[in-house]
Amino acid sequence: MKKRLSHLDKGRATMVDVGAKNVTHRQATASGFVRMAPATVRLVRAQRTPKGDPLETARLAGIMAAKRTSELIPLCHPLPLTHVDVQAELKSGGVAIRSSASTNSTTGVEMEALTAAAVAALTIYDMCKAVDREMEIGAICLESKSGGRSGTYVRKASTRPAR
């Protein structure tokens, strides 16, 4: 079977018809990283940023974003999420973000998990930009997904972004 871009029909963007697909339990996990200066890491550790606790705020922002993914990404289906979790962990070089999303639906939750990770990273940047405009957001990727016709996917360790 030849692979193709599922959201294109004769060059036009289109929403995939998932009406004939089976409802299954679907789960996805994504991650990202916000690289920051050592002084910024120390401020976050002490929770002394101008806007409050960046890790908790990023966690909540990521959860909220996952629930609104279909409003942000034009061709995403609105999904009844059964669970969303976002973790933001302070590391020596910045903040590691891990998100997961679950649903019982006819389409996957990869975009919800990725959106949660991206918005959590943007929130970290927003909360710390007053002290560090050199921060870098990156390494946002799908770590795993399960459920549906395409089955299970787990990112190989050799393809994980450097953090």
N, C-alpha and C. Protein backbone atom coordinates (compact mmCIF):
# COMPACT_ATOMS: atom_id res chain seq x y z
N MET A 1 0.83 -1.17 0.00
CA MET A 1 0.00 0.00 0.00
C MET A 1 0.88 1.25 0.00
N LYS A 2 0.61 2.14 -0.90
CA LYS A 2 1.37 3.36 -1.03
C LYS A 2 0.90 4.37 0.02
N LYS A 3 1.86 4.97 0.75
CA LYS A 3 1.50 5.97 1.75
C LYS A 3 1.13 7.28 1.07
N ARG A 4 0.19 7.99 1.69
CA ARG A 4 -0.23 9.28 1.15
C ARG A 4 -0.61 10.20 2.30
N LEU A 5 -0.67 11.49 2.02
CA LEU A 5 -1.12 12.46 3.02
C LEU A 5 -2.64 12.35 3.14
N SER A 6 -3.10 12.01 4.33
CA SER A 6 -4.52 11.72 4.52
C SER A 6 -5.43 12.95 4.48
N HIS A 7 -4.88 14.13 4.68
CA HIS A 7 -5.70 15.33 4.73
C HIS A 7 -5.70 16.12 3.41
N LEU A 8 -5.29 15.45 2.33
CA LEU A 8 -5.32 16.10 1.02
C LEU A 8 -6.16 15.27 0.07
N ASP A 9 -7.02 15.93 -0.70
CA ASP A 9 -7.84 15.28 -1.72
C ASP A 9 -7.67 16.09 -3.00
N LYS A 10 -6.88 15.54 -3.93
CA LYS A 10 -6.59 16.24 -5.19
C LYS A 10 -6.02 17.63 -4.94
N GLY A 11 -5.13 17.72 -3.94
CA GLY A 11 -4.47 18.99 -3.63
C GLY A 11 -5.23 19.90 -2.70
N ARG A 12 -6.46 19.57 -2.36
CA ARG A 12 -7.27 20.40 -1.46
C ARG A 12 -7.22 19.82 -0.05
N ALA A 13 -7.11 20.69 0.94
CA ALA A 13 -7.16 20.24 2.33
C ALA A 13 -8.56 19.74 2.62
N THR A 14 -8.63 18.59 3.32
CA THR A 14 -9.92 18.01 3.63
C THR A 14 -9.89 17.33 5.00
N MET A 15 -11.02 17.30 5.65
CA MET A 15 -11.14 16.61 6.93
C MET A 15 -11.39 15.13 6.62
N VAL A 16 -10.63 14.25 7.23
CA VAL A 16 -10.76 12.82 7.00
C VAL A 16 -12.11 12.34 7.53
N ASP A 17 -12.79 11.52 6.75
CA ASP A 17 -14.07 10.93 7.18
C ASP A 17 -13.76 9.71 8.04
N VAL A 18 -14.06 9.78 9.33
CA VAL A 18 -13.79 8.68 10.25
C VAL A 18 -15.07 7.94 10.64
N GLY A 19 -16.16 8.23 9.93
CA GLY A 19 -17.46 7.66 10.26
C GLY A 19 -17.53 6.16 10.21
N ALA A 20 -16.76 5.52 9.33
CA ALA A 20 -16.81 4.06 9.19
C ALA A 20 -15.81 3.35 10.10
N LYS A 21 -15.00 4.09 10.83
CA LYS A 21 -14.00 3.47 11.69
C LYS A 21 -14.63 3.03 13.00
N ASN A 22 -14.05 2.01 13.61
CA ASN A 22 -14.55 1.50 14.89
C ASN A 22 -14.13 2.39 16.05
N VAL A 23 -15.01 2.49 17.03
CA VAL A 23 -14.66 3.17 18.27
C VAL A 23 -13.75 2.24 19.06
N THR A 24 -12.56 2.74 19.39
CA THR A 24 -11.62 1.97 20.22
C THR A 24 -11.00 2.93 21.24
N HIS A 25 -10.38 2.34 22.26
CA HIS A 25 -9.66 3.16 23.23
C HIS A 25 -8.36 3.58 22.58
N ARG A 26 -8.09 4.87 22.59
CA ARG A 26 -6.90 5.42 21.95
C ARG A 26 -6.15 6.28 22.95
N GLN A 27 -4.84 6.19 22.91
CA GLN A 27 -3.98 6.90 23.85
C GLN A 27 -2.77 7.40 23.10
N ALA A 28 -2.27 8.57 23.48
CA ALA A 28 -1.03 9.09 22.89
C ALA A 28 -0.23 9.83 23.95
N THR A 29 1.09 9.79 23.80
CA THR A 29 2.00 10.49 24.69
C THR A 29 2.95 11.32 23.84
N ALA A 30 3.19 12.55 24.27
CA ALA A 30 4.11 13.45 23.56
C ALA A 30 5.06 14.08 24.57
N SER A 31 6.12 14.69 24.07
CA SER A 31 7.06 15.35 24.96
C SER A 31 7.64 16.59 24.29
N GLY A 32 8.29 17.40 25.09
CA GLY A 32 8.96 18.60 24.61
C GLY A 32 9.97 19.06 25.64
N PHE A 33 10.74 20.08 25.29
CA PHE A 33 11.74 20.59 26.23
C PHE A 33 11.91 22.09 26.03
N VAL A 34 12.01 22.81 27.14
CA VAL A 34 12.31 24.24 27.10
C VAL A 34 13.70 24.42 27.68
N ARG A 35 14.65 24.74 26.82
CA ARG A 35 16.03 24.96 27.26
C ARG A 35 16.13 26.38 27.80
N MET A 36 16.78 26.53 28.97
CA MET A 36 16.91 27.86 29.59
C MET A 36 18.24 27.99 30.30
N ALA A 37 18.58 29.22 30.60
CA ALA A 37 19.83 29.52 31.29
C ALA A 37 19.83 28.94 32.71
N PRO A 38 20.99 28.58 33.23
CA PRO A 38 21.07 28.06 34.60
C PRO A 38 20.43 29.00 35.63
N ALA A 39 20.58 30.30 35.46
CA ALA A 39 19.98 31.25 36.40
C ALA A 39 18.46 31.17 36.37
N THR A 40 17.91 30.93 35.20
CA THR A 40 16.45 30.81 35.07
C THR A 40 15.98 29.52 35.74
N VAL A 41 16.74 28.45 35.57
CA VAL A 41 16.41 27.18 36.25
C VAL A 41 16.37 27.40 37.75
N ARG A 42 17.34 28.15 38.27
CA ARG A 42 17.38 28.41 39.72
C ARG A 42 16.14 29.22 40.16
N LEU A 43 15.74 30.20 39.38
CA LEU A 43 14.54 30.99 39.71
C LEU A 43 13.29 30.13 39.70
N VAL A 44 13.16 29.27 38.69
CA VAL A 44 12.00 28.39 38.63
C VAL A 44 12.00 27.43 39.81
N ARG A 45 13.18 26.91 40.15
CA ARG A 45 13.28 26.00 41.30
C ARG A 45 12.81 26.70 42.58
N ALA A 46 13.14 27.97 42.70
CA ALA A 46 12.73 28.75 43.87
C ALA A 46 11.32 29.34 43.69
N GLN A 47 10.72 29.11 42.51
CA GLN A 47 9.40 29.64 42.17
C GLN A 47 9.33 31.15 42.33
N ARG A 48 10.40 31.80 41.91
CA ARG A 48 10.46 33.25 42.00
C ARG A 48 10.46 33.87 40.61
N THR A 49 9.47 33.58 39.82
CA THR A 49 9.33 34.24 38.53
C THR A 49 8.29 35.34 38.69
N PRO A 50 8.32 36.34 37.82
CA PRO A 50 7.38 37.45 37.96
C PRO A 50 5.90 37.04 37.92
N LYS A 51 5.59 35.91 37.31
CA LYS A 51 4.19 35.51 37.14
C LYS A 51 3.75 34.35 38.03
N GLY A 52 4.63 33.82 38.88
CA GLY A 52 4.23 32.71 39.74
C GLY A 52 4.95 31.41 39.38
N ASP A 53 4.32 30.28 39.68
CA ASP A 53 4.91 28.96 39.47
C ASP A 53 4.72 28.51 38.02
N PRO A 54 5.78 28.55 37.21
CA PRO A 54 5.65 28.19 35.80
C PRO A 54 5.27 26.72 35.56
N LEU A 55 5.74 25.81 36.39
CA LEU A 55 5.49 24.40 36.16
C LEU A 55 4.01 24.06 36.33
N GLU A 56 3.41 24.55 37.38
CA GLU A 56 1.98 24.27 37.60
C GLU A 56 1.11 24.99 36.58
N THR A 57 1.46 26.21 36.24
CA THR A 57 0.69 26.95 35.25
C THR A 57 0.79 26.27 33.89
N ALA A 58 1.98 25.80 33.53
CA ALA A 58 2.17 25.11 32.25
C ALA A 58 1.38 23.81 32.21
N ARG A 59 1.34 23.11 33.32
CA ARG A 59 0.58 21.86 33.40
C ARG A 59 -0.90 22.12 33.10
N LEU A 60 -1.46 23.13 33.75
CA LEU A 60 -2.87 23.46 33.53
C LEU A 60 -3.12 23.97 32.12
N ALA A 61 -2.22 24.78 31.59
CA ALA A 61 -2.37 25.30 30.22
C ALA A 61 -2.35 24.15 29.21
N GLY A 62 -1.48 23.19 29.41
CA GLY A 62 -1.42 22.04 28.51
C GLY A 62 -2.70 21.24 28.51
N ILE A 63 -3.26 21.01 29.70
CA ILE A 63 -4.53 20.28 29.81
C ILE A 63 -5.64 21.05 29.09
N MET A 64 -5.71 22.35 29.33
CA MET A 64 -6.73 23.17 28.67
C MET A 64 -6.56 23.15 27.15
N ALA A 65 -5.33 23.20 26.68
CA ALA A 65 -5.07 23.21 25.24
C ALA A 65 -5.49 21.90 24.59
N ALA A 66 -5.21 20.78 25.24
CA ALA A 66 -5.59 19.48 24.68
C ALA A 66 -7.10 19.44 24.44
N LYS A 67 -7.86 20.00 25.36
CA LYS A 67 -9.32 19.99 25.24
C LYS A 67 -9.82 20.87 24.10
N ARG A 68 -8.97 21.77 23.60
CA ARG A 68 -9.39 22.71 22.54
C ARG A 68 -8.63 22.51 21.23
N THR A 69 -7.99 21.37 21.09
CA THR A 69 -7.16 21.12 19.91
C THR A 69 -7.91 21.33 18.60
N SER A 70 -9.14 20.85 18.51
CA SER A 70 -9.89 20.97 17.25
C SER A 70 -10.20 22.42 16.90
N GLU A 71 -10.13 23.31 17.87
CA GLU A 71 -10.34 24.74 17.60
C GLU A 71 -9.05 25.40 17.09
N LEU A 72 -7.91 24.76 17.35
CA LEU A 72 -6.61 25.33 16.97
C LEU A 72 -6.06 24.75 15.68
N ILE A 73 -6.29 23.47 15.45
CA ILE A 73 -5.77 22.77 14.27
C ILE A 73 -6.96 22.55 13.33
N PRO A 74 -6.98 23.19 12.17
CA PRO A 74 -8.17 23.25 11.33
C PRO A 74 -8.85 21.93 10.98
N LEU A 75 -8.12 20.85 10.74
CA LEU A 75 -8.75 19.63 10.27
C LEU A 75 -8.86 18.54 11.34
N CYS A 76 -8.61 18.89 12.59
CA CYS A 76 -8.76 17.92 13.69
C CYS A 76 -10.22 17.76 14.06
N HIS A 77 -10.58 16.52 14.37
CA HIS A 77 -11.94 16.24 14.84
C HIS A 77 -12.05 16.61 16.32
N PRO A 78 -13.17 17.17 16.74
CA PRO A 78 -13.38 17.36 18.19
C PRO A 78 -13.53 15.99 18.85
N LEU A 79 -12.84 15.78 19.94
CA LEU A 79 -12.85 14.46 20.59
C LEU A 79 -13.35 14.54 22.03
N PRO A 80 -14.08 13.52 22.46
CA PRO A 80 -14.46 13.43 23.87
C PRO A 80 -13.30 12.82 24.66
N LEU A 81 -12.44 13.66 25.18
CA LEU A 81 -11.28 13.16 25.91
C LEU A 81 -11.71 12.52 27.22
N THR A 82 -11.14 11.36 27.51
CA THR A 82 -11.43 10.70 28.78
C THR A 82 -10.37 11.01 29.83
N HIS A 83 -9.19 11.46 29.35
CA HIS A 83 -8.12 11.81 30.30
C HIS A 83 -7.05 12.62 29.60
N VAL A 84 -6.50 13.60 30.30
CA VAL A 84 -5.34 14.35 29.84
C VAL A 84 -4.44 14.55 31.05
N ASP A 85 -3.15 14.36 30.84
CA ASP A 85 -2.19 14.60 31.91
C ASP A 85 -0.99 15.32 31.31
N VAL A 86 -0.48 16.30 32.02
CA VAL A 86 0.71 17.02 31.60
C VAL A 86 1.64 17.13 32.80
N GLN A 87 2.89 16.78 32.57
CA GLN A 87 3.91 16.89 33.62
C GLN A 87 5.01 17.82 33.11
N ALA A 88 5.44 18.72 33.96
CA ALA A 88 6.55 19.63 33.65
C ALA A 88 7.59 19.45 34.75
N GLU A 89 8.75 18.95 34.37
CA GLU A 89 9.78 18.61 35.35
C GLU A 89 11.03 19.46 35.11
N LEU A 90 11.49 20.09 36.15
CA LEU A 90 12.69 20.92 36.08
C LEU A 90 13.92 20.03 36.00
N LYS A 91 14.75 20.27 34.99
CA LYS A 91 16.01 19.56 34.79
C LYS A 91 17.14 20.59 34.84
N SER A 92 18.37 20.13 34.79
CA SER A 92 19.49 21.07 34.89
C SER A 92 19.52 22.06 33.73
N GLY A 93 19.07 21.66 32.53
CA GLY A 93 19.13 22.56 31.38
C GLY A 93 17.82 23.22 31.02
N GLY A 94 16.78 22.95 31.80
CA GLY A 94 15.48 23.55 31.48
C GLY A 94 14.33 22.72 32.01
N VAL A 95 13.22 22.71 31.27
CA VAL A 95 12.01 22.02 31.71
C VAL A 95 11.63 20.96 30.69
N ALA A 96 11.53 19.72 31.17
CA ALA A 96 11.06 18.60 30.34
C ALA A 96 9.56 18.48 30.50
N ILE A 97 8.87 18.35 29.39
CA ILE A 97 7.41 18.27 29.39
C ILE A 97 7.00 16.92 28.82
N ARG A 98 6.03 16.29 29.46
CA ARG A 98 5.46 15.03 28.98
C ARG A 98 3.96 15.13 29.12
N SER A 99 3.25 14.82 28.05
CA SER A 99 1.79 14.90 28.07
C SER A 99 1.19 13.60 27.56
N SER A 100 0.00 13.30 28.02
CA SER A 100 -0.72 12.14 27.50
C SER A 100 -2.19 12.48 27.40
N ALA A 101 -2.85 11.84 26.44
CA ALA A 101 -4.28 12.05 26.22
C ALA A 101 -4.91 10.71 25.87
N SER A 102 -6.17 10.53 26.28
CA SER A 102 -6.90 9.30 26.00
C SER A 102 -8.31 9.63 25.56
N THR A 103 -8.89 8.72 24.77
CA THR A 103 -10.28 8.84 24.34
C THR A 103 -10.80 7.47 23.95
N ASN A 104 -12.10 7.35 23.85
CA ASN A 104 -12.76 6.22 23.22
C ASN A 104 -13.45 6.82 22.02
N SER A 105 -12.86 6.63 20.84
CA SER A 105 -13.36 7.34 19.67
C SER A 105 -12.97 6.61 18.39
N THR A 106 -13.31 7.23 17.26
CA THR A 106 -12.99 6.68 15.94
C THR A 106 -11.71 7.26 15.36
N THR A 107 -11.07 8.16 16.09
CA THR A 107 -9.81 8.75 15.62
C THR A 107 -8.88 8.98 16.79
N GLY A 108 -7.60 9.08 16.51
CA GLY A 108 -6.58 9.13 17.55
C GLY A 108 -6.43 10.47 18.24
N VAL A 109 -5.63 10.47 19.30
CA VAL A 109 -5.42 11.65 20.14
C VAL A 109 -3.99 12.17 20.09
N GLU A 110 -3.27 11.86 18.99
CA GLU A 110 -1.90 12.33 18.87
C GLU A 110 -1.83 13.85 18.89
N MET A 111 -2.72 14.50 18.16
CA MET A 111 -2.68 15.96 18.08
C MET A 111 -3.00 16.59 19.43
N GLU A 112 -3.86 15.98 20.20
CA GLU A 112 -4.18 16.51 21.54
C GLU A 112 -2.96 16.43 22.45
N ALA A 113 -2.25 15.30 22.42
CA ALA A 113 -1.05 15.15 23.24
C ALA A 113 0.04 16.13 22.79
N LEU A 114 0.22 16.27 21.48
CA LEU A 114 1.23 17.20 20.96
C LEU A 114 0.87 18.65 21.27
N THR A 115 -0.40 19.00 21.15
CA THR A 115 -0.84 20.36 21.46
C THR A 115 -0.62 20.66 22.94
N ALA A 116 -0.92 19.70 23.80
CA ALA A 116 -0.69 19.89 25.23
C ALA A 116 0.78 20.17 25.52
N ALA A 117 1.68 19.40 24.90
CA ALA A 117 3.12 19.60 25.13
C ALA A 117 3.57 20.97 24.60
N ALA A 118 3.09 21.34 23.41
CA ALA A 118 3.50 22.61 22.81
C ALA A 118 3.02 23.80 23.62
N VAL A 119 1.77 23.78 24.05
CA VAL A 119 1.22 24.92 24.82
C VAL A 119 1.85 24.97 26.21
N ALA A 120 2.13 23.83 26.81
CA ALA A 120 2.82 23.84 28.10
C ALA A 120 4.19 24.49 27.94
N ALA A 121 4.90 24.17 26.85
CA ALA A 121 6.22 24.77 26.60
C ALA A 121 6.10 26.28 26.38
N LEU A 122 5.11 26.69 25.60
CA LEU A 122 4.89 28.12 25.37
C LEU A 122 4.57 28.85 26.67
N THR A 123 3.86 28.18 27.55
CA THR A 123 3.52 28.79 28.85
C THR A 123 4.76 28.97 29.71
N ILE A 124 5.64 27.98 29.71
CA ILE A 124 6.92 28.13 30.42
C ILE A 124 7.65 29.35 29.89
N TYR A 125 7.72 29.47 28.56
CA TYR A 125 8.40 30.62 27.96
C TYR A 125 7.74 31.92 28.42
N ASP A 126 6.44 31.98 28.34
CA ASP A 126 5.72 33.21 28.73
C ASP A 126 6.00 33.59 30.18
N MET A 127 6.03 32.62 31.04
CA MET A 127 6.20 32.91 32.46
C MET A 127 7.63 33.27 32.84
N CYS A 128 8.58 32.89 31.99
CA CYS A 128 9.99 33.14 32.31
C CYS A 128 10.64 34.18 31.41
N LYS A 129 9.94 34.69 30.41
CA LYS A 129 10.57 35.58 29.44
C LYS A 129 11.07 36.89 30.04
N ALA A 130 10.52 37.31 31.16
CA ALA A 130 10.98 38.55 31.79
C ALA A 130 12.43 38.44 32.26
N VAL A 131 12.89 37.20 32.51
CA VAL A 131 14.25 37.02 32.99
C VAL A 131 15.15 36.30 31.98
N ASP A 132 14.57 35.71 30.91
CA ASP A 132 15.37 34.93 29.98
C ASP A 132 14.70 34.88 28.60
N ARG A 133 15.08 35.79 27.73
CA ARG A 133 14.51 35.79 26.37
C ARG A 133 15.27 34.86 25.42
N GLU A 134 16.32 34.23 25.92
CA GLU A 134 17.12 33.31 25.10
C GLU A 134 16.62 31.87 25.19
N MET A 135 15.54 31.62 25.91
CA MET A 135 15.02 30.26 26.02
C MET A 135 14.71 29.70 24.63
N GLU A 136 14.79 28.37 24.52
CA GLU A 136 14.46 27.69 23.27
C GLU A 136 13.43 26.61 23.55
N ILE A 137 12.39 26.59 22.73
CA ILE A 137 11.38 25.54 22.81
C ILE A 137 11.68 24.55 21.70
N GLY A 138 11.74 23.29 22.06
CA GLY A 138 12.02 22.32 21.02
C GLY A 138 11.75 20.90 21.44
N ALA A 139 12.17 20.00 20.59
CA ALA A 139 12.08 18.57 20.83
C ALA A 139 10.65 18.10 21.06
N ILE A 140 9.66 18.80 20.50
CA ILE A 140 8.28 18.37 20.65
C ILE A 140 8.04 17.22 19.69
N CYS A 141 7.65 16.08 20.23
CA CYS A 141 7.48 14.90 19.38
C CYS A 141 6.48 13.92 20.00
N LEU A 142 5.95 13.07 19.14
CA LEU A 142 5.09 11.98 19.57
C LEU A 142 5.98 10.88 20.12
N GLU A 143 5.72 10.46 21.33
CA GLU A 143 6.49 9.38 21.96
C GLU A 143 5.83 8.02 21.71
N SER A 144 4.50 7.99 21.78
CA SER A 144 3.80 6.72 21.56
C SER A 144 2.33 6.98 21.28
N LYS A 145 1.69 6.00 20.67
CA LYS A 145 0.24 6.03 20.46
C LYS A 145 -0.24 4.60 20.39
N SER A 146 -1.48 4.40 20.80
CA SER A 146 -2.06 3.06 20.71
C SER A 146 -3.54 3.19 20.38
N GLY A 147 -4.07 2.11 19.83
CA GLY A 147 -5.47 2.05 19.45
C GLY A 147 -5.67 2.37 17.99
N GLY A 148 -6.79 1.94 17.48
CA GLY A 148 -7.14 2.24 16.10
C GLY A 148 -6.54 1.28 15.11
N ARG A 149 -6.84 1.53 13.85
CA ARG A 149 -6.47 0.65 12.75
C ARG A 149 -4.95 0.53 12.58
N SER A 150 -4.22 1.61 12.82
CA SER A 150 -2.77 1.56 12.61
C SER A 150 -2.01 0.95 13.78
N GLY A 151 -2.70 0.63 14.86
CA GLY A 151 -2.07 -0.08 15.98
C GLY A 151 -1.20 0.79 16.86
N THR A 152 -0.16 0.17 17.40
CA THR A 152 0.71 0.82 18.38
C THR A 152 1.96 1.36 17.71
N TYR A 153 2.37 2.53 18.17
CA TYR A 153 3.63 3.15 17.73
C TYR A 153 4.38 3.56 18.98
N VAL A 154 5.67 3.26 19.03
CA VAL A 154 6.55 3.72 20.11
C VAL A 154 7.82 4.26 19.45
N ARG A 155 8.16 5.51 19.75
CA ARG A 155 9.36 6.14 19.18
C ARG A 155 10.59 5.35 19.61
N LYS A 156 11.45 5.10 18.65
CA LYS A 156 12.71 4.41 18.94
C LYS A 156 13.64 5.36 19.70
N ALA A 157 14.39 4.82 20.63
CA ALA A 157 15.33 5.64 21.41
C ALA A 157 16.30 6.38 20.50
N SER A 158 16.67 5.77 19.38
CA SER A 158 17.65 6.39 18.48
C SER A 158 17.07 7.60 17.73
N THR A 159 15.74 7.76 17.72
CA THR A 159 15.14 8.90 17.02
C THR A 159 14.65 9.97 17.99
N ARG A 160 14.88 9.78 19.28
CA ARG A 160 14.45 10.79 20.26
C ARG A 160 15.31 12.04 20.12
N PRO A 161 14.67 13.23 20.19
CA PRO A 161 15.45 14.47 20.13
C PRO A 161 16.38 14.60 21.33
N ALA A 162 17.50 15.24 21.11
CA ALA A 162 18.44 15.51 22.21
C ALA A 162 17.83 16.53 23.16
N ARG A 163 18.03 16.30 24.44
CA ARG A 163 17.47 17.22 25.45
C ARG A 163 18.53 17.69 26.38
